[in-house]
Structures are given as structure tokens and as C-alpha cells.
Amino acid sequence: MFNLGRLAVISALLSLSAVNSLTAFDEWECCEEPSCSRVYIGGFGGGIYSNATTVSQMGTAYFFEDEGGALSIYAKGKTKSTSSGFGGAQIGYESYKWLGCSDWSLGTAGEVEAFFFSHNKEGHLINPPSRLVSVPFSEHDFDASFRMNMGVYLVNVVFSLNNPSLCGFSPYIGGGVGATRISIRNAESAQVDPLEPGVNHFNSDRGDSSWAFAAQAKAGLRYNFCDSFHLFGEYRYVYVDTSNYILGATVYPTHAATSPWNVRIKNMQYNAFAFGLQYDL
């Protein structure tokens, strides 16, 4: 004989099982929500500020034998801090992963970027006396300047934090490594002690280029609008390693000839502030 009580119990158990199954499905669906991604291009620009750094100028002056013969010169000093504008472009790919069953997601991006700027490094270089005789073998001091055109090429990794409650804003941090191409043009080295008016010790060749290791760290805030556009503002710390150059010998009819000059510019550090725009392809 059919038992209505038993039917009620079975029905209740089946209903409870169905509810549990739906809840488990919802949790699985939340936690396994697929990630999304974007490919983007961007442009940016701002101001960049460099610290003081150490510069050395090495060469040999070929004095006559009655003047003491060849004189090795190793002048060294600090450059002034400088600032300039800079600008660049980037292309990247970013993917998002949800952080558990929440509205927060973590974006991870890989990007390639390049930026460019020019600045003039100036310094007072001192070569201590190397001979116990009078001029022209006393201390040699130079006022040197190096006009530097710099192209910085980096591969970056960037992490961003996203949530609907942030109203389209996403804070991010990142870092990258690469190389810098440094081209020196119109270099000057004027001896000021003892004074040699009108003499540029790099006169026969005033330019050279070099590659140096570069790295950066950055942090900023990005704002998404119109779905595919992102405005951003950021701070960057940029490091450029030591670089070396060979500049022209001193060639004047009334001046002792010299060897080509070896110029060494120690590592340079920069603080930069930039604003830019990204577009999702």
C-alpha cells in the first residue's frame, strides 16, 4: 500500500539534493569564471629628471721632450642635475584573473615600450698635478659638456588591480629591463686651469654612441572610459648603467697634439612623471 508519508520524505530529500546541486554549480561557476584579456597600444609623455653623476676624461698630451714629454691626463668630476621632456610608445597584452569568488581581479600584462629624450650633461673635471714642475704641467681643469640623445627600449611586466567599486580606476605597478642607446653630439671640453681660450679638446670628432643596460620601476593609476580607452598617470624610476665613448683628439696648430679621449659616464638615475593614453585593439 502506497505510503503518503514516505513519499513526502522522499520528495523533501530530492528537493534538498537539487538545491545543494544548484548551490555547488553556482559556486563552481563563480570560482571558475573565465578570464578575459586585451591587446593594447599606447603613447605617453612627461618630464624626466636626472641626478648628478661622475664623468671622467682620459687621454695623453704629447708635449715636446724639453717640456717633459708625453703627459697622461685623467680628469674626473661630477655633472649637474638636469631635466627635460620625454615621450614614447608601447604595445602590450594583458589578461585578467578573478581573485576567488569576488569582484576583484588581477591583471597581468607584458609590454614592449620605447621612449626618447635629450639632455646636456655638464661638469667640472679635475686632473691633479702629475709633475713637480710649473705650467704647463700644473693641475689641469676642464669644463666639459655632453649633449646626449637617448633612446630607452624596455620589456615590462605590469600588475593591475580591478574592481567595479573603483569606478573604472585601476592602480598598477610594474618593472622592466632593456637597453639604452646613447648618442653624444657636439661634446666640448674647455681647459680652464691653466686657461686655454678657444680650445675644445674634442675638436677633431665631437660625437660617439654607446649602448648601456637599462631598467625601470613604475607605479600609476589608470582610468577606463568608452570601453576601449584608458588614461593613465604614473611615476617612473629609470636606471641607465655606465657607458663609454671615444671622442676626437685635440688638433690645433698652436696646441700640443693629444690622443683620442676616452670618456666614461657612470650610471645615471632618473625620476620621471608621465601621462598617457592606451587603446584596446
C-alpha atoms as a PDB file:
ATOM      1  CA  MET A   1       0.000   0.000   0.000  1.00  0.00           C
ATOM      2  CA  PHE A   2       1.363   3.380  -1.007  1.00  0.00           C
ATOM      3  CA  ASN A   3       2.602   5.409   1.965  1.00  0.00           C
ATOM      4  CA  LEU A   4       1.984   9.163   1.588  1.00  0.00           C
ATOM      5  CA  GLY A   5       4.355   9.912   4.464  1.00  0.00           C
ATOM      6  CA  ARG A   6       7.164   8.019   2.787  1.00  0.00           C
ATOM      7  CA  LEU A   7       6.502   9.953  -0.451  1.00  0.00           C
ATOM      8  CA  ALA A   8       6.718  13.250   1.385  1.00  0.00           C
ATOM      9  CA  VAL A   9      10.078  12.302   2.917  1.00  0.00           C
ATOM     10  CA  ILE A  10      11.483  11.180  -0.466  1.00  0.00           C
ATOM     11  CA  SER A  11      10.244  14.386  -2.118  1.00  0.00           C
ATOM     12  CA  ALA A  12      11.877  16.519   0.581  1.00  0.00           C
ATOM     13  CA  LEU A  13      15.184  14.684   0.211  1.00  0.00           C
ATOM     14  CA  LEU A  14      15.140  15.105  -3.577  1.00  0.00           C
ATOM     15  CA  SER A  15      14.379  18.826  -3.245  1.00  0.00           C
ATOM     16  CA  LEU A  16      17.239  19.312  -0.784  1.00  0.00           C
ATOM     17  CA  SER A  17      19.593  17.431  -3.083  1.00  0.00           C
ATOM     18  CA  ALA A  18      18.575  19.634  -6.026  1.00  0.00           C
ATOM     19  CA  VAL A  19      19.158  22.822  -4.005  1.00  0.00           C
ATOM     20  CA  ASN A  20      22.603  21.609  -2.956  1.00  0.00           C
ATOM     21  CA  SER A  21      23.436  20.748  -6.547  1.00  0.00           C
ATOM     22  CA  LEU A  22      22.424  24.214  -7.770  1.00  0.00           C
ATOM     23  CA  THR A  23      24.431  25.875  -4.996  1.00  0.00           C
ATOM     24  CA  ALA A  24      27.501  23.813  -5.849  1.00  0.00           C
ATOM     25  CA  PHE A  25      27.060  24.674  -9.527  1.00  0.00           C
ATOM     26  CA  ASP A  26      26.800  28.390  -8.705  1.00  0.00           C
ATOM     27  CA  GLU A  27      29.990  28.228  -6.592  1.00  0.00           C
ATOM     28  CA  TRP A  28      31.823  26.357  -9.341  1.00  0.00           C
ATOM     29  CA  GLU A  29      30.613  28.851 -11.946  1.00  0.00           C
ATOM     30  CA  CYS A  30      31.761  31.774  -9.772  1.00  0.00           C
ATOM     31  CA  CYS A  31      35.158  30.367  -8.961  1.00  0.00           C
ATOM     32  CA  GLU A  32      35.796  29.121 -12.488  1.00  0.00           C
ATOM     33  CA  GLU A  33      34.653  32.287 -14.247  1.00  0.00           C
ATOM     34  CA  PRO A  34      36.767  32.547 -17.402  1.00  0.00           C
ATOM     35  CA  SER A  35      39.462  35.212 -17.599  1.00  0.00           C
ATOM     36  CA  CYS A  36      39.403  37.989 -20.167  1.00  0.00           C
ATOM     37  CA  SER A  37      42.206  39.795 -21.942  1.00  0.00           C
ATOM     38  CA  ARG A  38      43.105  42.753 -24.147  1.00  0.00           C
ATOM     39  CA  VAL A  39      45.782  43.803 -26.624  1.00  0.00           C
ATOM     40  CA  TYR A  40      46.605  47.498 -26.458  1.00  0.00           C
ATOM     41  CA  ILE A  41      48.770  50.247 -27.871  1.00  0.00           C
ATOM     42  CA  GLY A  42      49.618  53.473 -26.104  1.00  0.00           C
ATOM     43  CA  GLY A  43      51.501  56.721 -26.153  1.00  0.00           C
ATOM     44  CA  PHE A  44      52.837  58.786 -23.269  1.00  0.00           C
ATOM     45  CA  GLY A  45      54.952  61.800 -22.379  1.00  0.00           C
ATOM     46  CA  GLY A  46      56.043  63.942 -19.466  1.00  0.00           C
ATOM     47  CA  GLY A  47      59.077  65.252 -17.629  1.00  0.00           C
ATOM     48  CA  ILE A  48      62.257  63.364 -16.702  1.00  0.00           C
ATOM     49  CA  TYR A  49      64.847  64.466 -14.140  1.00  0.00           C
ATOM     50  CA  SER A  50      68.374  63.062 -13.786  1.00  0.00           C
ATOM     51  CA  ASN A  51      70.698  63.017 -10.823  1.00  0.00           C
ATOM     52  CA  ALA A  52      74.311  64.198 -10.765  1.00  0.00           C
ATOM     53  CA  THR A  53      76.763  61.578 -11.958  1.00  0.00           C
ATOM     54  CA  THR A  54      80.521  61.071 -12.333  1.00  0.00           C
ATOM     55  CA  VAL A  55      82.314  61.705 -15.630  1.00  0.00           C
ATOM     56  CA  SER A  56      85.972  61.039 -16.456  1.00  0.00           C
ATOM     57  CA  GLN A  57      88.089  62.165 -19.415  1.00  0.00           C
ATOM     58  CA  MET A  58      91.298  60.237 -20.150  1.00  0.00           C
ATOM     59  CA  GLY A  59      93.966  60.876 -22.765  1.00  0.00           C
ATOM     60  CA  THR A  60      97.593  61.715 -23.438  1.00  0.00           C
ATOM     61  CA  ALA A  61      99.038  65.119 -24.345  1.00  0.00           C
ATOM     62  CA  TYR A  62     102.189  64.848 -26.470  1.00  0.00           C
ATOM     63  CA  PHE A  63     104.426  67.646 -25.176  1.00  0.00           C
ATOM     64  CA  PHE A  64     107.963  68.059 -26.530  1.00  0.00           C
ATOM     65  CA  GLU A  65     110.810  66.357 -24.662  1.00  0.00           C
ATOM     66  CA  ASP A  66     112.128  69.672 -23.311  1.00  0.00           C
ATOM     67  CA  GLU A  67     108.666  70.239 -21.826  1.00  0.00           C
ATOM     68  CA  GLY A  68     108.701  66.860 -20.092  1.00  0.00           C
ATOM     69  CA  GLY A  69     107.388  64.590 -22.836  1.00  0.00           C
ATOM     70  CA  ALA A  70     104.023  62.854 -23.013  1.00  0.00           C
ATOM     71  CA  LEU A  71     101.616  63.671 -20.177  1.00  0.00           C
ATOM     72  CA  SER A  72      98.815  61.309 -19.143  1.00  0.00           C
ATOM     73  CA  ILE A  73      95.605  63.113 -18.217  1.00  0.00           C
ATOM     74  CA  TYR A  74      92.838  61.638 -16.104  1.00  0.00           C
ATOM     75  CA  ALA A  75      90.305  64.333 -15.283  1.00  0.00           C
ATOM     76  CA  LYS A  76      87.294  63.445 -13.203  1.00  0.00           C
ATOM     77  CA  GLY A  77      84.308  65.276 -11.743  1.00  0.00           C
ATOM     78  CA  LYS A  78      80.585  65.475 -11.112  1.00  0.00           C
ATOM     79  CA  THR A  79      77.951  66.640 -13.576  1.00  0.00           C
ATOM     80  CA  LYS A  80      74.992  68.828 -12.722  1.00  0.00           C
ATOM     81  CA  SER A  81      71.455  67.505 -12.367  1.00  0.00           C
ATOM     82  CA  THR A  82      69.326  68.052 -15.462  1.00  0.00           C
ATOM     83  CA  SER A  83      65.716  67.824 -16.615  1.00  0.00           C
ATOM     84  CA  SER A  84      63.911  67.572 -19.934  1.00  0.00           C
ATOM     85  CA  GLY A  85      60.731  66.353 -21.575  1.00  0.00           C
ATOM     86  CA  PHE A  86      60.333  62.825 -22.925  1.00  0.00           C
ATOM     87  CA  GLY A  87      57.866  60.832 -24.984  1.00  0.00           C
ATOM     88  CA  GLY A  88      57.300  57.280 -26.128  1.00  0.00           C
ATOM     89  CA  ALA A  89      55.013  54.468 -27.249  1.00  0.00           C
ATOM     90  CA  GLN A  90      54.103  50.966 -26.073  1.00  0.00           C
ATOM     91  CA  ILE A  91      52.297  47.810 -27.147  1.00  0.00           C
ATOM     92  CA  GLY A  92      51.126  45.147 -24.728  1.00  0.00           C
ATOM     93  CA  TYR A  93      48.914  42.197 -23.858  1.00  0.00           C
ATOM     94  CA  GLU A  94      47.010  41.995 -20.554  1.00  0.00           C
ATOM     95  CA  SER A  95      44.951  39.133 -19.095  1.00  0.00           C
ATOM     96  CA  TYR A  96      42.715  39.170 -16.006  1.00  0.00           C
ATOM     97  CA  LYS A  97      42.133  36.521 -13.348  1.00  0.00           C
ATOM     98  CA  TRP A  98      39.366  36.731 -10.755  1.00  0.00           C
ATOM     99  CA  LEU A  99      40.546  36.565  -7.165  1.00  0.00           C
ATOM    100  CA  GLY A 100      38.404  33.762  -5.778  1.00  0.00           C
ATOM    101  CA  CYS A 101      34.635  34.317  -5.686  1.00  0.00           C
ATOM    102  CA  SER A 102      34.860  38.098  -5.518  1.00  0.00           C
ATOM    103  CA  ASP A 103      34.543  41.175  -7.696  1.00  0.00           C
ATOM    104  CA  TRP A 104      38.310  41.730  -7.591  1.00  0.00           C
ATOM    105  CA  SER A 105      40.550  40.750 -10.484  1.00  0.00           C
ATOM    106  CA  LEU A 106      44.296  40.884 -11.026  1.00  0.00           C
ATOM    107  CA  GLY A 107      45.579  41.996 -14.411  1.00  0.00           C
ATOM    108  CA  THR A 108      48.968  40.768 -15.617  1.00  0.00           C
ATOM    109  CA  ALA A 109      50.463  42.476 -18.671  1.00  0.00           C
ATOM    110  CA  GLY A 110      53.564  42.074 -20.756  1.00  0.00           C
ATOM    111  CA  GLU A 111      54.514  45.101 -22.827  1.00  0.00           C
ATOM    112  CA  VAL A 112      57.268  46.450 -25.026  1.00  0.00           C
ATOM    113  CA  GLU A 113      57.921  50.168 -24.982  1.00  0.00           C
ATOM    114  CA  ALA A 114      60.383  52.792 -26.151  1.00  0.00           C
ATOM    115  CA  PHE A 115      60.843  56.404 -25.104  1.00  0.00           C
ATOM    116  CA  PHE A 116      63.195  59.184 -26.118  1.00  0.00           C
ATOM    117  CA  PHE A 117      64.686  62.359 -24.663  1.00  0.00           C
ATOM    118  CA  SER A 118      67.713  64.666 -24.868  1.00  0.00           C
ATOM    119  CA  HIS A 119      69.653  66.442 -22.163  1.00  0.00           C
ATOM    120  CA  ASN A 120      73.012  68.123 -21.659  1.00  0.00           C
ATOM    121  CA  LYS A 121      75.409  66.762 -19.036  1.00  0.00           C
ATOM    122  CA  GLU A 122      77.829  69.441 -17.831  1.00  0.00           C
ATOM    123  CA  GLY A 123      80.593  69.129 -15.253  1.00  0.00           C
ATOM    124  CA  HIS A 124      83.861  70.475 -13.915  1.00  0.00           C
ATOM    125  CA  LEU A 125      86.599  67.837 -14.323  1.00  0.00           C
ATOM    126  CA  ILE A 126      89.862  67.995 -12.357  1.00  0.00           C
ATOM    127  CA  ASN A 127      93.155  66.350 -13.278  1.00  0.00           C
ATOM    128  CA  PRO A 128      95.505  66.510 -10.238  1.00  0.00           C
ATOM    129  CA  PRO A 129      99.134  67.614 -10.857  1.00  0.00           C
ATOM    130  CA  SER A 130     101.341  64.748 -12.004  1.00  0.00           C
ATOM    131  CA  ARG A 131     104.642  66.608 -12.373  1.00  0.00           C
ATOM    132  CA  LEU A 132     106.575  68.691  -9.885  1.00  0.00           C
ATOM    133  CA  VAL A 133     107.224  71.489 -12.344  1.00  0.00           C
ATOM    134  CA  SER A 134     105.405  74.649 -13.328  1.00  0.00           C
ATOM    135  CA  VAL A 135     102.919  75.327 -16.121  1.00  0.00           C
ATOM    136  CA  PRO A 136     102.046  73.636 -18.460  1.00  0.00           C
ATOM    137  CA  PHE A 137     102.282  70.672 -16.084  1.00  0.00           C
ATOM    138  CA  SER A 138     100.274  72.012 -13.166  1.00  0.00           C
ATOM    139  CA  GLU A 139      96.748  70.840 -12.381  1.00  0.00           C
ATOM    140  CA  HIS A 140      94.553  70.684 -15.492  1.00  0.00           C
ATOM    141  CA  ASP A 141      90.857  71.529 -15.008  1.00  0.00           C
ATOM    142  CA  PHE A 142      88.213  71.203 -17.713  1.00  0.00           C
ATOM    143  CA  ASP A 143      84.651  72.405 -18.146  1.00  0.00           C
ATOM    144  CA  ALA A 144      83.041  69.603 -20.160  1.00  0.00           C
ATOM    145  CA  SER A 145      79.569  69.228 -21.677  1.00  0.00           C
ATOM    146  CA  PHE A 146      77.970  66.265 -23.423  1.00  0.00           C
ATOM    147  CA  ARG A 147      74.742  66.647 -25.392  1.00  0.00           C
ATOM    148  CA  MET A 148      73.084  63.246 -25.053  1.00  0.00           C
ATOM    149  CA  ASN A 149      70.262  61.892 -27.223  1.00  0.00           C
ATOM    150  CA  MET A 150      68.805  58.826 -25.520  1.00  0.00           C
ATOM    151  CA  GLY A 151      66.506  56.054 -26.709  1.00  0.00           C
ATOM    152  CA  VAL A 152      65.351  53.636 -23.981  1.00  0.00           C
ATOM    153  CA  TYR A 153      63.940  50.241 -25.053  1.00  0.00           C
ATOM    154  CA  LEU A 154      62.302  48.065 -22.390  1.00  0.00           C
ATOM    155  CA  VAL A 155      60.281  44.888 -21.867  1.00  0.00           C
ATOM    156  CA  ASN A 156      57.918  45.333 -18.905  1.00  0.00           C
ATOM    157  CA  VAL A 157      55.690  43.259 -16.652  1.00  0.00           C
ATOM    158  CA  VAL A 158      52.752  45.196 -15.161  1.00  0.00           C
ATOM    159  CA  PHE A 159      50.243  44.144 -12.469  1.00  0.00           C
ATOM    160  CA  SER A 160      46.921  45.945 -12.027  1.00  0.00           C
ATOM    161  CA  LEU A 161      44.080  45.610  -9.509  1.00  0.00           C
ATOM    162  CA  ASN A 162      40.478  45.936 -10.734  1.00  0.00           C
ATOM    163  CA  ASN A 163      37.046  46.150  -9.096  1.00  0.00           C
ATOM    164  CA  PRO A 164      33.700  47.646 -10.221  1.00  0.00           C
ATOM    165  CA  SER A 165      33.600  49.672  -7.000  1.00  0.00           C
ATOM    166  CA  LEU A 166      36.685  51.598  -8.197  1.00  0.00           C
ATOM    167  CA  CYS A 167      34.516  53.249 -10.892  1.00  0.00           C
ATOM    168  CA  GLY A 168      36.856  52.495 -13.780  1.00  0.00           C
ATOM    169  CA  PHE A 169      40.114  53.248 -11.948  1.00  0.00           C
ATOM    170  CA  SER A 170      42.868  50.621 -11.707  1.00  0.00           C
ATOM    171  CA  PRO A 171      46.059  51.095  -9.679  1.00  0.00           C
ATOM    172  CA  TYR A 172      49.104  49.304 -11.095  1.00  0.00           C
ATOM    173  CA  ILE A 173      52.799  48.641 -10.552  1.00  0.00           C
ATOM    174  CA  GLY A 174      55.413  47.291 -12.935  1.00  0.00           C
ATOM    175  CA  GLY A 175      59.035  46.953 -13.876  1.00  0.00           C
ATOM    176  CA  GLY A 176      61.187  46.211 -16.869  1.00  0.00           C
ATOM    177  CA  VAL A 177      64.663  45.710 -18.279  1.00  0.00           C
ATOM    178  CA  GLY A 178      66.268  46.527 -21.599  1.00  0.00           C
ATOM    179  CA  ALA A 179      68.882  48.761 -23.151  1.00  0.00           C
ATOM    180  CA  THR A 180      69.556  52.415 -23.845  1.00  0.00           C
ATOM    181  CA  ARG A 181      71.152  53.835 -26.987  1.00  0.00           C
ATOM    182  CA  ILE A 182      73.087  56.972 -26.050  1.00  0.00           C
ATOM    183  CA  SER A 183      74.434  59.295 -28.744  1.00  0.00           C
ATOM    184  CA  ILE A 184      76.724  62.171 -27.782  1.00  0.00           C
ATOM    185  CA  ARG A 185      76.838  65.134 -30.161  1.00  0.00           C
ATOM    186  CA  ASN A 186      78.702  68.470 -30.041  1.00  0.00           C
ATOM    187  CA  ALA A 187      80.768  67.499 -26.996  1.00  0.00           C
ATOM    188  CA  GLU A 188      83.026  70.180 -25.558  1.00  0.00           C
ATOM    189  CA  SER A 189      85.972  70.148 -23.181  1.00  0.00           C
ATOM    190  CA  ALA A 190      87.454  73.563 -22.459  1.00  0.00           C
ATOM    191  CA  GLN A 191      90.538  73.776 -20.256  1.00  0.00           C
ATOM    192  CA  VAL A 192      90.000  76.479 -17.638  1.00  0.00           C
ATOM    193  CA  ASP A 193      93.095  75.971 -15.456  1.00  0.00           C
ATOM    194  CA  PRO A 194      95.533  76.800 -16.921  1.00  0.00           C
ATOM    195  CA  LEU A 195      93.241  78.733 -19.246  1.00  0.00           C
ATOM    196  CA  GLU A 196      93.303  77.878 -22.970  1.00  0.00           C
ATOM    197  CA  PRO A 197      90.832  80.241 -24.687  1.00  0.00           C
ATOM    198  CA  GLY A 198      89.115  78.946 -27.814  1.00  0.00           C
ATOM    199  CA  VAL A 199      90.317  75.357 -27.482  1.00  0.00           C
ATOM    200  CA  ASN A 200      87.867  72.454 -27.492  1.00  0.00           C
ATOM    201  CA  HIS A 201      89.834  69.317 -26.657  1.00  0.00           C
ATOM    202  CA  PHE A 202      87.364  67.145 -28.626  1.00  0.00           C
ATOM    203  CA  ASN A 203      87.589  69.325 -31.748  1.00  0.00           C
ATOM    204  CA  SER A 204      88.536  66.613 -34.283  1.00  0.00           C
ATOM    205  CA  ASP A 205      85.474  64.426 -33.515  1.00  0.00           C
ATOM    206  CA  ARG A 206      82.791  65.661 -31.147  1.00  0.00           C
ATOM    207  CA  GLY A 207      80.440  62.681 -31.175  1.00  0.00           C
ATOM    208  CA  ASP A 208      80.148  58.975 -30.403  1.00  0.00           C
ATOM    209  CA  SER A 209      77.462  56.433 -29.450  1.00  0.00           C
ATOM    210  CA  SER A 210      77.161  53.589 -26.987  1.00  0.00           C
ATOM    211  CA  TRP A 211      74.692  51.015 -25.639  1.00  0.00           C
ATOM    212  CA  ALA A 212      74.048  50.594 -21.907  1.00  0.00           C
ATOM    213  CA  PHE A 213      71.874  48.339 -19.750  1.00  0.00           C
ATOM    214  CA  ALA A 214      68.618  49.957 -18.569  1.00  0.00           C
ATOM    215  CA  ALA A 215      65.942  49.078 -16.013  1.00  0.00           C
ATOM    216  CA  GLN A 216      62.883  50.757 -14.579  1.00  0.00           C
ATOM    217  CA  ALA A 217      60.173  50.519 -11.932  1.00  0.00           C
ATOM    218  CA  LYS A 218      56.844  52.298 -12.271  1.00  0.00           C
ATOM    219  CA  ALA A 219      53.567  52.826 -10.430  1.00  0.00           C
ATOM    220  CA  GLY A 220      50.436  54.608 -11.541  1.00  0.00           C
ATOM    221  CA  LEU A 221      46.686  54.882 -11.835  1.00  0.00           C
ATOM    222  CA  ARG A 222      44.676  54.028 -14.968  1.00  0.00           C
ATOM    223  CA  TYR A 223      41.128  55.092 -15.858  1.00  0.00           C
ATOM    224  CA  ASN A 224      38.962  53.195 -18.355  1.00  0.00           C
ATOM    225  CA  PHE A 225      36.362  55.051 -20.435  1.00  0.00           C
ATOM    226  CA  CYS A 226      34.370  54.288 -23.581  1.00  0.00           C
ATOM    227  CA  ASP A 227      35.281  50.606 -23.070  1.00  0.00           C
ATOM    228  CA  SER A 228      38.436  50.708 -25.194  1.00  0.00           C
ATOM    229  CA  PHE A 229      40.307  53.779 -23.916  1.00  0.00           C
ATOM    230  CA  HIS A 230      42.478  54.092 -20.818  1.00  0.00           C
ATOM    231  CA  LEU A 231      44.006  57.301 -19.477  1.00  0.00           C
ATOM    232  CA  PHE A 232      46.923  56.849 -17.099  1.00  0.00           C
ATOM    233  CA  GLY A 233      49.320  58.830 -14.962  1.00  0.00           C
ATOM    234  CA  GLU A 234      52.443  57.322 -13.471  1.00  0.00           C
ATOM    235  CA  TYR A 235      55.805  57.754 -11.756  1.00  0.00           C
ATOM    236  CA  ARG A 236      58.911  56.029 -13.117  1.00  0.00           C
ATOM    237  CA  TYR A 237      62.361  55.377 -11.719  1.00  0.00           C
ATOM    238  CA  VAL A 238      64.810  54.701 -14.560  1.00  0.00           C
ATOM    239  CA  TYR A 239      68.370  53.365 -14.200  1.00  0.00           C
ATOM    240  CA  VAL A 240      70.951  53.540 -17.014  1.00  0.00           C
ATOM    241  CA  ASP A 241      74.262  51.751 -16.496  1.00  0.00           C
ATOM    242  CA  THR A 242      77.793  53.106 -17.074  1.00  0.00           C
ATOM    243  CA  SER A 243      78.692  53.911 -20.703  1.00  0.00           C
ATOM    244  CA  ASN A 244      81.971  54.598 -22.536  1.00  0.00           C
ATOM    245  CA  TYR A 245      82.862  56.778 -25.534  1.00  0.00           C
ATOM    246  CA  ILE A 246      85.861  57.691 -27.666  1.00  0.00           C
ATOM    247  CA  LEU A 247      85.952  61.355 -28.694  1.00  0.00           C
ATOM    248  CA  GLY A 248      88.358  63.073 -31.057  1.00  0.00           C
ATOM    249  CA  ALA A 249      91.949  64.032 -30.407  1.00  0.00           C
ATOM    250  CA  THR A 250      92.885  67.676 -29.849  1.00  0.00           C
ATOM    251  CA  VAL A 251      94.224  69.023 -33.148  1.00  0.00           C
ATOM    252  CA  TYR A 252      95.299  72.689 -33.298  1.00  0.00           C
ATOM    253  CA  PRO A 253      98.421  74.239 -34.898  1.00  0.00           C
ATOM    254  CA  THR A 254      99.313  76.038 -31.659  1.00  0.00           C
ATOM    255  CA  HIS A 255      98.371  73.291 -29.179  1.00  0.00           C
ATOM    256  CA  ALA A 256     100.152  70.090 -28.197  1.00  0.00           C
ATOM    257  CA  ALA A 257      98.591  67.146 -30.002  1.00  0.00           C
ATOM    258  CA  THR A 258      96.710  64.589 -27.923  1.00  0.00           C
ATOM    259  CA  SER A 259      95.466  61.053 -28.269  1.00  0.00           C
ATOM    260  CA  PRO A 260      91.726  60.442 -28.741  1.00  0.00           C
ATOM    261  CA  TRP A 261      89.885  60.940 -25.451  1.00  0.00           C
ATOM    262  CA  ASN A 262      88.231  58.115 -23.554  1.00  0.00           C
ATOM    263  CA  VAL A 263      85.117  59.413 -21.802  1.00  0.00           C
ATOM    264  CA  ARG A 264      83.355  57.358 -19.162  1.00  0.00           C
ATOM    265  CA  ILE A 265      79.935  58.348 -17.813  1.00  0.00           C
ATOM    266  CA  LYS A 266      78.931  56.498 -14.666  1.00  0.00           C
ATOM    267  CA  ASN A 267      75.431  55.125 -14.134  1.00  0.00           C
ATOM    268  CA  MET A 268      72.615  57.659 -14.411  1.00  0.00           C
ATOM    269  CA  GLN A 269      69.372  57.613 -12.450  1.00  0.00           C
ATOM    270  CA  TYR A 270      66.159  59.354 -13.458  1.00  0.00           C
ATOM    271  CA  ASN A 271      62.831  60.235 -11.893  1.00  0.00           C
ATOM    272  CA  ALA A 272      60.046  60.669 -14.428  1.00  0.00           C
ATOM    273  CA  PHE A 273      56.372  61.614 -14.372  1.00  0.00           C
ATOM    274  CA  ALA A 274      54.201  60.737 -17.351  1.00  0.00           C
ATOM    275  CA  PHE A 275      50.623  60.886 -18.631  1.00  0.00           C
ATOM    276  CA  GLY A 276      49.362  58.754 -21.478  1.00  0.00           C
ATOM    277  CA  LEU A 277      46.538  57.073 -23.349  1.00  0.00           C
ATOM    278  CA  GLN A 278      46.020  53.399 -24.205  1.00  0.00           C
ATOM    279  CA  TYR A 279      43.638  51.980 -26.818  1.00  0.00           C
ATOM    280  CA  ASP A 280      42.424  48.369 -26.859  1.00  0.00           C
ATOM    281  CA  LEU A 281      42.748  46.767 -30.292  1.00  0.00           C
END
